[in-house]
Amino acid sequence: MLMLFLGILLFAGVHLVPSLAPGLKASWLGRLGEGGYKGTFSLLLLASFALIIFGWRSIQPEFVYMPAPALHLLALAILALAFVLMVVSNRSSRLRLLVRHPQLSGVALWGIGHLLLNGENRSVLLFGAMAAWAIAEMVAINARDGAWIKDAAPSWVAEGVTLVIAAVVIAVVVALHPWLSGMPVW
């Protein structure tokens, strides 16, 4: 459990540096330059992923709570929305007029959806911590950046393309989920 916890802590810590410790980021950039900063950032994230994956696999699952079967479809709908928001974070969409932080909102919903589906100790730690980190990150970014300036709405064609891309991403995730996690979506 410690390895998983350390991986999550490293992941969250690296991501929180720009919003909570801009001085540390500036110092990091000053010493290493842009490429060095991005390279170090990426290496730390890869290390966090390794700790998370190996930590996850090393834990013997024990149930903390039993997920309610009645919430299964709701959880899948939340997860679909999470992936739509993650796609929207890199595309022009009207959803960006409603959601200030689509990628972080998607991560928070991804965590919540998984908590509705999984009640064992490692899931509670991973998905609960990722949802909490995403929410904390949104609060920190809002405090740092101030007022939200919205972009113009995209064309309906661009909106349609974004939704098609989201549908493809969801289909790929559903297809790969058993291979990635050992658990089928259905």
N, C-alpha and C. Protein backbone atom coordinates (compact mmCIF):
# COMPACT_ATOMS: atom_id res chain seq x y z
N MET A 1 0.83 -1.19 0.00
CA MET A 1 0.00 0.00 0.00
C MET A 1 0.87 1.26 0.00
N LEU A 2 2.04 1.16 0.62
CA LEU A 2 2.93 2.32 0.71
C LEU A 2 3.41 2.75 -0.68
N MET A 3 3.74 1.78 -1.54
CA MET A 3 4.22 2.12 -2.88
C MET A 3 3.14 2.86 -3.67
N LEU A 4 1.90 2.39 -3.58
CA LEU A 4 0.79 3.05 -4.27
C LEU A 4 0.60 4.46 -3.71
N PHE A 5 0.63 4.59 -2.40
CA PHE A 5 0.48 5.90 -1.77
C PHE A 5 1.59 6.86 -2.21
N LEU A 6 2.84 6.38 -2.24
CA LEU A 6 3.95 7.24 -2.65
C LEU A 6 3.83 7.65 -4.11
N GLY A 7 3.36 6.74 -4.95
CA GLY A 7 3.14 7.07 -6.36
C GLY A 7 2.10 8.16 -6.54
N ILE A 8 1.00 8.04 -5.81
CA ILE A 8 -0.06 9.05 -5.87
C ILE A 8 0.46 10.38 -5.33
N LEU A 9 1.20 10.33 -4.24
CA LEU A 9 1.76 11.54 -3.64
C LEU A 9 2.74 12.24 -4.60
N LEU A 10 3.58 11.46 -5.27
CA LEU A 10 4.51 12.03 -6.24
C LEU A 10 3.76 12.65 -7.41
N PHE A 11 2.76 11.93 -7.94
CA PHE A 11 1.96 12.44 -9.05
C PHE A 11 1.30 13.76 -8.68
N ALA A 12 0.62 13.78 -7.54
CA ALA A 12 -0.08 14.99 -7.11
C ALA A 12 0.90 16.12 -6.81
N GLY A 13 1.98 15.79 -6.14
CA GLY A 13 2.96 16.82 -5.78
C GLY A 13 3.57 17.50 -6.98
N VAL A 14 3.95 16.72 -7.98
CA VAL A 14 4.55 17.29 -9.19
C VAL A 14 3.54 18.19 -9.90
N HIS A 15 2.28 17.75 -9.96
CA HIS A 15 1.26 18.55 -10.64
C HIS A 15 0.88 19.80 -9.86
N LEU A 16 0.98 19.75 -8.55
CA LEU A 16 0.59 20.91 -7.74
C LEU A 16 1.67 22.00 -7.68
N VAL A 17 2.90 21.68 -8.05
CA VAL A 17 3.99 22.66 -7.98
C VAL A 17 3.65 23.94 -8.75
N PRO A 18 3.22 23.87 -10.03
CA PRO A 18 2.97 25.13 -10.75
C PRO A 18 1.89 26.01 -10.12
N SER A 19 0.86 25.41 -9.51
CA SER A 19 -0.21 26.24 -8.97
C SER A 19 0.00 26.62 -7.51
N LEU A 20 0.66 25.78 -6.73
CA LEU A 20 0.84 26.09 -5.31
C LEU A 20 2.23 26.62 -4.96
N ALA A 21 3.21 26.33 -5.82
CA ALA A 21 4.58 26.78 -5.53
C ALA A 21 5.21 27.37 -6.79
N PRO A 22 4.66 28.48 -7.28
CA PRO A 22 5.22 29.06 -8.52
C PRO A 22 6.68 29.47 -8.37
N GLY A 23 7.11 29.80 -7.17
CA GLY A 23 8.52 30.14 -6.94
C GLY A 23 9.42 28.93 -7.17
N LEU A 24 8.98 27.78 -6.71
CA LEU A 24 9.74 26.55 -6.92
C LEU A 24 9.80 26.22 -8.41
N LYS A 25 8.68 26.40 -9.10
CA LYS A 25 8.67 26.16 -10.55
C LYS A 25 9.64 27.12 -11.24
N ALA A 26 9.62 28.40 -10.86
CA ALA A 26 10.51 29.39 -11.48
C ALA A 26 11.97 29.03 -11.21
N SER A 27 12.26 28.59 -10.00
CA SER A 27 13.63 28.19 -9.66
C SER A 27 14.04 26.97 -10.48
N TRP A 28 13.16 26.02 -10.60
CA TRP A 28 13.37 24.80 -11.37
C TRP A 28 13.64 25.16 -12.84
N LEU A 29 12.81 26.07 -13.39
CA LEU A 29 12.99 26.53 -14.77
C LEU A 29 14.32 27.27 -14.93
N GLY A 30 14.65 28.12 -13.95
CA GLY A 30 15.88 28.91 -14.02
C GLY A 30 17.13 28.04 -14.02
N ARG A 31 17.11 26.99 -13.23
CA ARG A 31 18.28 26.12 -13.14
C ARG A 31 18.38 25.16 -14.32
N LEU A 32 17.25 24.65 -14.80
CA LEU A 32 17.27 23.59 -15.81
C LEU A 32 16.87 24.04 -17.20
N GLY A 33 16.28 25.24 -17.31
CA GLY A 33 15.75 25.68 -18.60
C GLY A 33 14.43 24.96 -18.90
N GLU A 34 13.77 25.41 -19.96
CA GLU A 34 12.45 24.85 -20.30
C GLU A 34 12.52 23.34 -20.58
N GLY A 35 13.49 22.94 -21.38
CA GLY A 35 13.62 21.52 -21.72
C GLY A 35 13.94 20.67 -20.50
N GLY A 36 14.83 21.16 -19.66
CA GLY A 36 15.19 20.43 -18.44
C GLY A 36 14.02 20.32 -17.48
N TYR A 37 13.26 21.42 -17.39
CA TYR A 37 12.08 21.42 -16.52
C TYR A 37 11.07 20.38 -17.00
N LYS A 38 10.76 20.44 -18.31
CA LYS A 38 9.78 19.50 -18.86
C LYS A 38 10.28 18.07 -18.78
N GLY A 39 11.56 17.87 -19.01
CA GLY A 39 12.13 16.53 -18.93
C GLY A 39 12.06 15.97 -17.52
N THR A 40 12.45 16.79 -16.54
CA THR A 40 12.39 16.36 -15.14
C THR A 40 10.95 16.11 -14.71
N PHE A 41 10.06 17.01 -15.11
CA PHE A 41 8.63 16.85 -14.82
C PHE A 41 8.14 15.51 -15.36
N SER A 42 8.49 15.21 -16.62
CA SER A 42 8.06 13.97 -17.27
C SER A 42 8.65 12.74 -16.57
N LEU A 43 9.93 12.80 -16.22
CA LEU A 43 10.56 11.67 -15.53
C LEU A 43 9.92 11.41 -14.17
N LEU A 44 9.61 12.49 -13.45
CA LEU A 44 8.94 12.32 -12.15
C LEU A 44 7.55 11.72 -12.33
N LEU A 45 6.85 12.12 -13.40
CA LEU A 45 5.53 11.52 -13.66
C LEU A 45 5.65 10.06 -14.03
N LEU A 46 6.64 9.72 -14.85
CA LEU A 46 6.85 8.30 -15.18
C LEU A 46 7.16 7.49 -13.92
N ALA A 47 7.97 8.05 -13.04
CA ALA A 47 8.27 7.37 -11.78
C ALA A 47 6.99 7.21 -10.95
N SER A 48 6.14 8.23 -10.94
CA SER A 48 4.89 8.12 -10.18
C SER A 48 4.00 7.04 -10.77
N PHE A 49 3.93 6.96 -12.11
CA PHE A 49 3.12 5.91 -12.75
C PHE A 49 3.67 4.53 -12.41
N ALA A 50 4.99 4.37 -12.43
CA ALA A 50 5.59 3.08 -12.08
C ALA A 50 5.23 2.69 -10.65
N LEU A 51 5.36 3.64 -9.73
CA LEU A 51 5.00 3.36 -8.33
C LEU A 51 3.52 3.01 -8.20
N ILE A 52 2.68 3.73 -8.91
CA ILE A 52 1.24 3.46 -8.85
C ILE A 52 0.93 2.08 -9.41
N ILE A 53 1.48 1.75 -10.57
CA ILE A 53 1.19 0.45 -11.19
C ILE A 53 1.72 -0.70 -10.34
N PHE A 54 2.99 -0.63 -9.95
CA PHE A 54 3.56 -1.72 -9.15
C PHE A 54 2.94 -1.76 -7.76
N GLY A 55 2.63 -0.60 -7.21
CA GLY A 55 1.94 -0.57 -5.91
C GLY A 55 0.57 -1.21 -6.00
N TRP A 56 -0.18 -0.87 -7.04
CA TRP A 56 -1.52 -1.44 -7.26
C TRP A 56 -1.45 -2.96 -7.34
N ARG A 57 -0.52 -3.43 -8.14
CA ARG A 57 -0.41 -4.88 -8.37
C ARG A 57 0.10 -5.63 -7.15
N SER A 58 0.78 -4.95 -6.25
CA SER A 58 1.33 -5.62 -5.06
C SER A 58 0.34 -5.73 -3.92
N ILE A 59 -0.79 -5.06 -4.04
CA ILE A 59 -1.76 -5.03 -2.93
C ILE A 59 -2.78 -6.15 -3.08
N GLN A 60 -2.97 -6.89 -2.00
CA GLN A 60 -4.03 -7.89 -1.96
C GLN A 60 -5.34 -7.14 -1.69
N PRO A 61 -6.28 -7.16 -2.66
CA PRO A 61 -7.52 -6.40 -2.47
C PRO A 61 -8.36 -6.92 -1.29
N GLU A 62 -8.81 -5.99 -0.49
CA GLU A 62 -9.74 -6.28 0.62
C GLU A 62 -10.86 -5.26 0.54
N PHE A 63 -12.09 -5.74 0.65
CA PHE A 63 -13.22 -4.83 0.50
C PHE A 63 -13.35 -3.90 1.70
N VAL A 64 -13.49 -2.62 1.40
CA VAL A 64 -13.79 -1.59 2.39
C VAL A 64 -15.31 -1.42 2.44
N TYR A 65 -15.95 -1.51 1.26
CA TYR A 65 -17.41 -1.47 1.15
C TYR A 65 -17.81 -2.23 -0.11
N MET A 66 -19.06 -2.63 -0.16
CA MET A 66 -19.59 -3.31 -1.34
C MET A 66 -20.30 -2.29 -2.22
N PRO A 67 -19.87 -2.15 -3.46
CA PRO A 67 -20.54 -1.21 -4.37
C PRO A 67 -21.99 -1.63 -4.60
N ALA A 68 -22.86 -0.65 -4.74
CA ALA A 68 -24.28 -0.92 -4.97
C ALA A 68 -24.50 -1.25 -6.44
N PRO A 69 -24.99 -2.44 -6.75
CA PRO A 69 -25.24 -2.80 -8.16
C PRO A 69 -26.19 -1.82 -8.87
N ALA A 70 -27.09 -1.21 -8.12
CA ALA A 70 -28.04 -0.27 -8.72
C ALA A 70 -27.34 0.97 -9.28
N LEU A 71 -26.11 1.24 -8.85
CA LEU A 71 -25.39 2.42 -9.30
C LEU A 71 -24.45 2.14 -10.47
N HIS A 72 -24.45 0.90 -10.97
CA HIS A 72 -23.52 0.51 -12.03
C HIS A 72 -23.71 1.36 -13.29
N LEU A 73 -24.93 1.50 -13.77
CA LEU A 73 -25.17 2.28 -14.99
C LEU A 73 -24.87 3.77 -14.77
N LEU A 74 -25.22 4.28 -13.60
CA LEU A 74 -24.89 5.67 -13.28
C LEU A 74 -23.38 5.87 -13.31
N ALA A 75 -22.65 4.94 -12.73
CA ALA A 75 -21.19 5.03 -12.71
C ALA A 75 -20.62 5.01 -14.12
N LEU A 76 -21.16 4.15 -14.98
CA LEU A 76 -20.69 4.10 -16.38
C LEU A 76 -21.00 5.40 -17.11
N ALA A 77 -22.15 6.00 -16.83
CA ALA A 77 -22.49 7.29 -17.44
C ALA A 77 -21.53 8.38 -16.95
N ILE A 78 -21.20 8.36 -15.67
CA ILE A 78 -20.24 9.32 -15.12
C ILE A 78 -18.88 9.14 -15.79
N LEU A 79 -18.47 7.89 -15.99
CA LEU A 79 -17.19 7.62 -16.63
C LEU A 79 -17.18 8.07 -18.08
N ALA A 80 -18.30 7.86 -18.79
CA ALA A 80 -18.39 8.34 -20.18
C ALA A 80 -18.25 9.86 -20.22
N LEU A 81 -18.95 10.55 -19.32
CA LEU A 81 -18.84 12.01 -19.25
C LEU A 81 -17.40 12.42 -18.91
N ALA A 82 -16.75 11.66 -18.03
CA ALA A 82 -15.36 11.96 -17.67
C ALA A 82 -14.47 11.94 -18.91
N PHE A 83 -14.64 10.94 -19.76
CA PHE A 83 -13.81 10.86 -20.96
C PHE A 83 -14.17 11.93 -21.98
N VAL A 84 -15.44 12.28 -22.07
CA VAL A 84 -15.83 13.39 -22.95
C VAL A 84 -15.13 14.66 -22.48
N LEU A 85 -15.14 14.93 -21.18
CA LEU A 85 -14.48 16.13 -20.66
C LEU A 85 -12.98 16.10 -20.90
N MET A 86 -12.36 14.92 -20.78
CA MET A 86 -10.92 14.84 -21.03
C MET A 86 -10.60 15.15 -22.50
N VAL A 87 -11.45 14.67 -23.41
CA VAL A 87 -11.25 14.99 -24.83
C VAL A 87 -11.48 16.49 -25.05
N VAL A 88 -12.52 17.03 -24.45
CA VAL A 88 -12.86 18.46 -24.60
C VAL A 88 -11.70 19.35 -24.13
N SER A 89 -10.91 18.87 -23.18
CA SER A 89 -9.82 19.69 -22.67
C SER A 89 -8.79 20.02 -23.75
N ASN A 90 -8.75 19.23 -24.80
CA ASN A 90 -7.79 19.46 -25.89
C ASN A 90 -8.46 19.87 -27.19
N ARG A 91 -9.74 20.16 -27.13
CA ARG A 91 -10.51 20.49 -28.33
C ARG A 91 -11.40 21.70 -28.04
N SER A 92 -11.89 22.30 -29.08
CA SER A 92 -12.85 23.37 -28.95
C SER A 92 -14.23 22.74 -28.73
N SER A 93 -14.95 23.21 -27.73
CA SER A 93 -16.27 22.65 -27.43
C SER A 93 -17.09 23.63 -26.61
N ARG A 94 -18.39 23.53 -26.77
CA ARG A 94 -19.30 24.34 -25.96
C ARG A 94 -19.24 23.94 -24.49
N LEU A 95 -18.83 22.71 -24.21
CA LEU A 95 -18.67 22.29 -22.82
C LEU A 95 -17.63 23.14 -22.10
N ARG A 96 -16.67 23.66 -22.84
CA ARG A 96 -15.65 24.52 -22.23
C ARG A 96 -16.23 25.85 -21.76
N LEU A 97 -17.44 26.18 -22.22
CA LEU A 97 -18.12 27.38 -21.74
C LEU A 97 -18.82 27.11 -20.41
N LEU A 98 -19.02 25.83 -20.09
CA LEU A 98 -19.69 25.43 -18.86
C LEU A 98 -18.73 24.93 -17.79
N VAL A 99 -17.61 24.37 -18.22
CA VAL A 99 -16.66 23.72 -17.30
C VAL A 99 -15.29 24.38 -17.48
N ARG A 100 -14.83 25.04 -16.43
CA ARG A 100 -13.57 25.79 -16.52
C ARG A 100 -12.37 24.86 -16.70
N HIS A 101 -12.38 23.73 -16.03
CA HIS A 101 -11.26 22.79 -16.06
C HIS A 101 -11.75 21.42 -16.52
N PRO A 102 -11.97 21.25 -17.83
CA PRO A 102 -12.55 19.99 -18.30
C PRO A 102 -11.68 18.76 -18.00
N GLN A 103 -10.38 18.87 -18.14
CA GLN A 103 -9.55 17.69 -17.90
C GLN A 103 -9.57 17.31 -16.42
N LEU A 104 -9.40 18.28 -15.55
CA LEU A 104 -9.42 17.99 -14.11
C LEU A 104 -10.81 17.55 -13.66
N SER A 105 -11.85 18.15 -14.24
CA SER A 105 -13.21 17.70 -13.93
C SER A 105 -13.41 16.26 -14.39
N GLY A 106 -12.83 15.94 -15.56
CA GLY A 106 -12.90 14.57 -16.05
C GLY A 106 -12.18 13.59 -15.13
N VAL A 107 -11.02 13.97 -14.62
CA VAL A 107 -10.29 13.10 -13.68
C VAL A 107 -11.10 12.92 -12.40
N ALA A 108 -11.69 14.00 -11.89
CA ALA A 108 -12.51 13.90 -10.68
C ALA A 108 -13.68 12.95 -10.90
N LEU A 109 -14.37 13.10 -12.03
CA LEU A 109 -15.49 12.21 -12.34
C LEU A 109 -15.02 10.78 -12.58
N TRP A 110 -13.87 10.62 -13.19
CA TRP A 110 -13.28 9.29 -13.39
C TRP A 110 -13.07 8.60 -12.04
N GLY A 111 -12.52 9.34 -11.09
CA GLY A 111 -12.31 8.78 -9.75
C GLY A 111 -13.63 8.44 -9.07
N ILE A 112 -14.59 9.35 -9.14
CA ILE A 112 -15.89 9.13 -8.50
C ILE A 112 -16.60 7.94 -9.13
N GLY A 113 -16.58 7.87 -10.47
CA GLY A 113 -17.21 6.74 -11.15
C GLY A 113 -16.61 5.42 -10.72
N HIS A 114 -15.29 5.37 -10.62
CA HIS A 114 -14.64 4.14 -10.18
C HIS A 114 -14.94 3.81 -8.72
N LEU A 115 -15.10 4.83 -7.89
CA LEU A 115 -15.46 4.57 -6.49
C LEU A 115 -16.86 3.96 -6.37
N LEU A 116 -17.75 4.31 -7.31
CA LEU A 116 -19.08 3.72 -7.32
C LEU A 116 -19.06 2.26 -7.77
N LEU A 117 -18.00 1.88 -8.48
CA LEU A 117 -17.90 0.52 -9.03
C LEU A 117 -16.98 -0.40 -8.24
N ASN A 118 -16.06 0.17 -7.47
CA ASN A 118 -15.03 -0.63 -6.79
C ASN A 118 -14.96 -0.24 -5.32
N GLY A 119 -15.00 -1.22 -4.46
CA GLY A 119 -14.96 -0.90 -3.04
C GLY A 119 -13.79 -1.50 -2.30
N GLU A 120 -12.77 -1.99 -3.03
CA GLU A 120 -11.64 -2.57 -2.31
C GLU A 120 -10.61 -1.50 -1.96
N ASN A 121 -9.74 -1.82 -1.04
CA ASN A 121 -8.80 -0.86 -0.45
C ASN A 121 -7.96 -0.12 -1.48
N ARG A 122 -7.39 -0.82 -2.44
CA ARG A 122 -6.52 -0.14 -3.40
C ARG A 122 -7.31 0.80 -4.32
N SER A 123 -8.55 0.43 -4.64
CA SER A 123 -9.39 1.31 -5.46
C SER A 123 -9.78 2.56 -4.69
N VAL A 124 -10.14 2.38 -3.43
CA VAL A 124 -10.52 3.53 -2.62
C VAL A 124 -9.35 4.50 -2.51
N LEU A 125 -8.16 3.96 -2.31
CA LEU A 125 -6.98 4.84 -2.22
C LEU A 125 -6.71 5.54 -3.55
N LEU A 126 -6.60 4.77 -4.63
CA LEU A 126 -6.23 5.36 -5.92
C LEU A 126 -7.29 6.31 -6.45
N PHE A 127 -8.51 5.84 -6.57
CA PHE A 127 -9.55 6.66 -7.20
C PHE A 127 -10.01 7.80 -6.29
N GLY A 128 -10.04 7.55 -5.00
CA GLY A 128 -10.39 8.62 -4.07
C GLY A 128 -9.32 9.71 -4.06
N ALA A 129 -8.06 9.30 -4.05
CA ALA A 129 -6.97 10.28 -4.04
C ALA A 129 -6.90 11.06 -5.35
N MET A 130 -7.11 10.40 -6.47
CA MET A 130 -7.07 11.10 -7.76
C MET A 130 -8.23 12.11 -7.87
N ALA A 131 -9.41 11.73 -7.41
CA ALA A 131 -10.54 12.66 -7.43
C ALA A 131 -10.25 13.85 -6.51
N ALA A 132 -9.73 13.57 -5.32
CA ALA A 132 -9.41 14.65 -4.38
C ALA A 132 -8.32 15.56 -4.94
N TRP A 133 -7.29 14.97 -5.57
CA TRP A 133 -6.22 15.78 -6.17
C TRP A 133 -6.80 16.69 -7.26
N ALA A 134 -7.64 16.15 -8.13
CA ALA A 134 -8.19 16.95 -9.23
C ALA A 134 -8.99 18.14 -8.70
N ILE A 135 -9.77 17.90 -7.66
CA ILE A 135 -10.57 18.98 -7.07
C ILE A 135 -9.64 20.02 -6.42
N ALA A 136 -8.64 19.55 -5.68
CA ALA A 136 -7.68 20.47 -5.06
C ALA A 136 -6.92 21.28 -6.11
N GLU A 137 -6.57 20.63 -7.20
CA GLU A 137 -5.86 21.32 -8.29
C GLU A 137 -6.73 22.42 -8.90
N MET A 138 -8.03 22.13 -9.09
CA MET A 138 -8.93 23.15 -9.65
C MET A 138 -9.01 24.35 -8.73
N VAL A 139 -9.13 24.10 -7.43
CA VAL A 139 -9.20 25.20 -6.46
C VAL A 139 -7.91 26.01 -6.49
N ALA A 140 -6.77 25.32 -6.54
CA ALA A 140 -5.48 26.02 -6.55
C ALA A 140 -5.30 26.85 -7.83
N ILE A 141 -5.66 26.29 -8.96
CA ILE A 141 -5.53 27.03 -10.23
C ILE A 141 -6.46 28.23 -10.24
N ASN A 142 -7.69 28.06 -9.76
CA ASN A 142 -8.62 29.19 -9.70
C ASN A 142 -8.07 30.31 -8.82
N ALA A 143 -7.49 29.94 -7.69
CA ALA A 143 -6.91 30.96 -6.80
C ALA A 143 -5.73 31.65 -7.46
N ARG A 144 -4.94 30.91 -8.20
CA ARG A 144 -3.77 31.49 -8.87
C ARG A 144 -4.15 32.37 -10.05
N ASP A 145 -5.12 31.89 -10.87
CA ASP A 145 -5.42 32.56 -12.13
C ASP A 145 -6.53 33.60 -12.06
N GLY A 146 -7.32 33.58 -11.02
CA GLY A 146 -8.38 34.58 -10.90
C GLY A 146 -9.57 34.32 -11.80
N ALA A 147 -10.12 35.40 -12.35
CA ALA A 147 -11.36 35.32 -13.12
C ALA A 147 -11.21 34.42 -14.34
N TRP A 148 -12.29 33.76 -14.67
CA TRP A 148 -12.34 32.83 -15.81
C TRP A 148 -12.74 33.61 -17.06
N ILE A 149 -11.89 33.58 -18.05
CA ILE A 149 -12.19 34.22 -19.33
C ILE A 149 -12.54 33.11 -20.31
N LYS A 150 -13.79 33.13 -20.77
CA LYS A 150 -14.27 32.06 -21.64
C LYS A 150 -13.95 32.34 -23.10
N ASP A 151 -13.71 31.26 -23.83
CA ASP A 151 -13.49 31.35 -25.27
C ASP A 151 -14.83 31.46 -25.98
N ALA A 152 -14.79 31.78 -27.26
CA ALA A 152 -16.00 31.81 -28.08
C ALA A 152 -16.46 30.37 -28.35
N ALA A 153 -17.74 30.22 -28.57
CA ALA A 153 -18.29 28.90 -28.88
C ALA A 153 -17.81 28.46 -30.26
N PRO A 154 -17.47 27.17 -30.40
CA PRO A 154 -17.02 26.69 -31.71
C PRO A 154 -18.22 26.45 -32.63
N SER A 155 -17.92 26.17 -33.88
CA SER A 155 -18.99 25.83 -34.82
C SER A 155 -19.60 24.48 -34.43
N TRP A 156 -20.78 24.22 -34.95
CA TRP A 156 -21.43 22.94 -34.67
C TRP A 156 -20.67 21.78 -35.31
N VAL A 157 -20.00 22.05 -36.42
CA VAL A 157 -19.18 21.01 -37.06
C VAL A 157 -18.02 20.62 -36.13
N ALA A 158 -17.34 21.63 -35.59
CA ALA A 158 -16.24 21.36 -34.66
C ALA A 158 -16.75 20.62 -33.42
N GLU A 159 -17.93 21.01 -32.95
CA GLU A 159 -18.53 20.33 -31.80
C GLU A 159 -18.80 18.86 -32.12
N GLY A 160 -19.33 18.61 -33.32
CA GLY A 160 -19.60 17.24 -33.75
C GLY A 160 -18.33 16.41 -33.84
N VAL A 161 -17.27 17.00 -34.39
CA VAL A 161 -15.99 16.29 -34.49
C VAL A 161 -15.47 15.94 -33.09
N THR A 162 -15.58 16.87 -32.17
CA THR A 162 -15.14 16.62 -30.80
C THR A 162 -15.91 15.45 -30.18
N LEU A 163 -17.21 15.41 -30.40
CA LEU A 163 -18.02 14.32 -29.84
C LEU A 163 -17.70 12.98 -30.49
N VAL A 164 -17.40 12.99 -31.79
CA VAL A 164 -17.00 11.75 -32.46
C VAL A 164 -15.66 11.26 -31.90
N ILE A 165 -14.73 12.16 -31.72
CA ILE A 165 -13.43 11.79 -31.12
C ILE A 165 -13.65 11.21 -29.73
N ALA A 166 -14.51 11.84 -28.95
CA ALA A 166 -14.80 11.34 -27.60
C ALA A 166 -15.39 9.94 -27.66
N ALA A 167 -16.30 9.69 -28.61
CA ALA A 167 -16.90 8.36 -28.75
C ALA A 167 -15.85 7.32 -29.10
N VAL A 168 -14.91 7.68 -29.97
CA VAL A 168 -13.84 6.75 -30.33
C VAL A 168 -12.95 6.47 -29.13
N VAL A 169 -12.61 7.52 -28.38
CA VAL A 169 -11.78 7.34 -27.18
C VAL A 169 -12.47 6.40 -26.20
N ILE A 170 -13.76 6.62 -25.97
CA ILE A 170 -14.51 5.77 -25.04
C ILE A 170 -14.51 4.32 -25.54
N ALA A 171 -14.73 4.11 -26.85
CA ALA A 171 -14.74 2.75 -27.40
C ALA A 171 -13.38 2.07 -27.21
N VAL A 172 -12.30 2.83 -27.44
CA VAL A 172 -10.96 2.26 -27.27
C VAL A 172 -10.71 1.91 -25.80
N VAL A 173 -11.09 2.80 -24.90
CA VAL A 173 -10.91 2.53 -23.46
C VAL A 173 -11.70 1.30 -23.04
N VAL A 174 -12.94 1.18 -23.51
CA VAL A 174 -13.76 0.01 -23.17
C VAL A 174 -13.10 -1.26 -23.71
N ALA A 175 -12.57 -1.20 -24.93
CA ALA A 175 -11.92 -2.38 -25.52
C ALA A 175 -10.63 -2.75 -24.80
N LEU A 176 -9.85 -1.75 -24.38
CA LEU A 176 -8.56 -2.01 -23.74
C LEU A 176 -8.65 -2.22 -22.23
N HIS A 177 -9.76 -1.84 -21.63
CA HIS A 177 -9.88 -1.90 -20.17
C HIS A 177 -9.57 -3.28 -19.58
N PRO A 178 -10.08 -4.38 -20.17
CA PRO A 178 -9.74 -5.69 -19.60
C PRO A 178 -8.24 -5.98 -19.65
N TRP A 179 -7.57 -5.54 -20.71
CA TRP A 179 -6.13 -5.76 -20.84
C TRP A 179 -5.36 -4.86 -19.86
N LEU A 180 -5.80 -3.61 -19.72
CA LEU A 180 -5.09 -2.67 -18.84
C LEU A 180 -5.29 -2.97 -17.36
N SER A 181 -6.52 -3.28 -17.00
CA SER A 181 -6.85 -3.42 -15.58
C SER A 181 -7.20 -4.84 -15.14
N GLY A 182 -7.43 -5.70 -16.11
CA GLY A 182 -7.86 -7.05 -15.75
C GLY A 182 -9.35 -7.15 -15.47
N MET A 183 -10.07 -6.06 -15.67
CA MET A 183 -11.51 -6.03 -15.39
C MET A 183 -12.27 -5.58 -16.63
N PRO A 184 -13.28 -6.34 -17.06
CA PRO A 184 -14.10 -5.88 -18.18
C PRO A 184 -15.02 -4.75 -17.72
N VAL A 185 -15.39 -3.88 -18.66
CA VAL A 185 -16.27 -2.76 -18.32
C VAL A 185 -17.70 -3.26 -18.05
N TRP A 186 -18.13 -4.24 -18.81
CA TRP A 186 -19.52 -4.73 -18.65
C TRP A 186 -19.58 -5.87 -17.69
